[in-house]
Amino acid sequence: MTVQSLIQQRIQTELAPQHLSVENESHMHRSEPGAESHFKLVVVSSQFTGLRLLARHQKINALLADLLAGPVHALALHTYTPEEWLARQGAPKTPSCVSKVGIR
């Protein structure tokens, strides 16, 4: 099972999200081809209602602790309640860490 699949499965099982996006952004960093080290998660769950941003992130970090200690180097988290998601209409775009100029 891929790291991306493990992340999706755990979030689905534990948070029952109304919306979940798990994007492997390793290619945007100085990673080997096929790497699974950098991810962007967009999670919309009613379980975030009443929780501050830090508590939401802690909840996800606890679910993925073993992956964060191993293959996952970076995890961009965008966590919303269903109401926040409806008002926002999407997550922010991730800037690339690798510039097109000077890559060797």
Protein backbone atom coordinates (compact mmCIF):
# COMPACT_ATOMS: atom_id res chain seq x y z
CA MET A 1 0.00 0.00 0.00
CA THR A 2 1.35 3.46 -0.87
CA VAL A 3 1.93 6.16 1.72
CA GLN A 4 -0.75 8.25 0.02
CA SER A 5 -3.26 5.37 0.33
CA LEU A 6 -2.40 4.89 4.01
CA ILE A 7 -3.01 8.57 4.69
CA GLN A 8 -6.35 8.50 2.86
CA GLN A 9 -7.49 5.35 4.63
CA ARG A 10 -6.66 6.64 8.12
CA ILE A 11 -8.30 10.02 7.59
CA GLN A 12 -11.42 8.41 6.08
CA THR A 13 -11.72 5.91 8.93
CA GLU A 14 -11.11 8.29 11.83
CA LEU A 15 -12.54 11.62 10.68
CA ALA A 16 -15.33 10.63 8.25
CA PRO A 17 -14.64 13.70 6.12
CA GLN A 18 -17.19 15.29 3.83
CA HIS A 19 -14.26 16.18 1.57
CA LEU A 20 -10.74 14.75 1.50
CA SER A 21 -7.90 15.53 -0.86
CA VAL A 22 -4.47 13.95 -0.40
CA GLU A 23 -1.98 15.28 -2.93
CA ASN A 24 1.54 13.94 -3.27
CA GLU A 25 3.60 17.10 -3.81
CA SER A 26 6.99 15.40 -3.63
CA HIS A 27 7.66 16.26 -7.28
CA MET A 28 7.58 19.96 -6.30
CA HIS A 29 10.59 19.44 -4.05
CA ARG A 30 14.04 18.00 -4.45
CA SER A 31 12.90 14.43 -4.16
CA GLU A 32 13.67 11.26 -6.05
CA PRO A 33 11.21 10.33 -8.83
CA GLY A 34 8.28 8.42 -7.34
CA ALA A 35 8.95 9.73 -3.83
CA GLU A 36 6.16 9.95 -1.27
CA SER A 37 7.62 12.46 1.16
CA HIS A 38 5.64 15.70 0.79
CA PHE A 39 1.84 15.81 0.99
CA LYS A 40 -0.93 18.37 1.02
CA LEU A 41 -4.10 17.38 2.85
CA VAL A 42 -7.42 19.16 2.60
CA VAL A 43 -9.79 17.72 5.18
CA VAL A 44 -13.35 18.89 5.72
CA SER A 45 -14.94 17.23 8.73
CA SER A 46 -17.68 18.04 11.22
CA GLN A 47 -15.31 16.63 13.85
CA PHE A 48 -13.38 19.91 13.58
CA THR A 49 -16.35 21.93 14.81
CA GLY A 50 -15.37 23.79 17.96
CA LEU A 51 -11.68 22.93 17.59
CA ARG A 52 -9.00 25.54 17.06
CA LEU A 53 -6.59 25.12 14.18
CA LEU A 54 -3.84 23.71 16.40
CA ALA A 55 -6.16 21.03 17.83
CA ARG A 56 -7.24 20.03 14.31
CA HIS A 57 -3.64 19.64 13.23
CA GLN A 58 -2.72 17.73 16.36
CA LYS A 59 -5.56 15.30 15.67
CA ILE A 60 -4.25 14.57 12.16
CA ASN A 61 -0.62 14.44 13.30
CA ALA A 62 -1.58 11.83 15.91
CA LEU A 63 -3.28 9.71 13.24
CA LEU A 64 -0.19 9.85 11.04
CA ALA A 65 2.54 9.86 13.71
CA ASP A 66 4.34 6.76 12.43
CA LEU A 67 4.37 8.08 8.87
CA LEU A 68 5.65 11.47 10.03
CA ALA A 69 8.45 9.70 11.88
CA GLY A 70 9.32 7.76 8.73
CA PRO A 71 8.69 8.41 5.06
CA VAL A 72 6.70 11.68 5.30
CA HIS A 73 8.99 14.69 5.47
CA ALA A 74 6.38 17.45 5.09
CA LEU A 75 2.64 17.66 5.54
CA ALA A 76 0.66 20.76 4.57
CA LEU A 77 -2.66 20.70 6.41
CA HIS A 78 -5.79 22.60 5.43
CA THR A 79 -8.55 21.70 7.87
CA TYR A 80 -12.10 23.01 7.72
CA THR A 81 -15.53 22.46 9.14
CA PRO A 82 -18.23 21.94 6.48
CA GLU A 83 -19.42 25.52 7.05
CA GLU A 84 -15.92 26.96 6.66
CA TRP A 85 -15.37 24.95 3.48
CA LEU A 86 -18.63 26.15 1.98
CA ALA A 87 -17.70 29.78 2.70
CA ARG A 88 -14.12 29.36 1.45
CA GLN A 89 -14.80 27.40 -1.74
CA GLY A 90 -11.42 25.69 -1.86
CA ALA A 91 -7.96 25.39 -0.38
CA PRO A 92 -4.96 27.60 -1.14
CA LYS A 93 -2.51 26.60 -3.85
CA THR A 94 0.92 25.32 -2.82
CA PRO A 95 3.93 27.23 -4.17
CA SER A 96 6.70 25.16 -5.69
CA CYS A 97 9.89 24.86 -3.63
CA VAL A 98 11.98 24.04 -6.67
CA SER A 99 12.73 26.93 -8.99
CA LYS A 100 12.94 26.26 -12.70
CA VAL A 101 16.23 28.19 -12.89
CA GLY A 102 19.39 26.67 -11.53
CA ILE A 103 18.19 23.08 -10.99
CA ARG A 104 21.06 20.69 -11.43
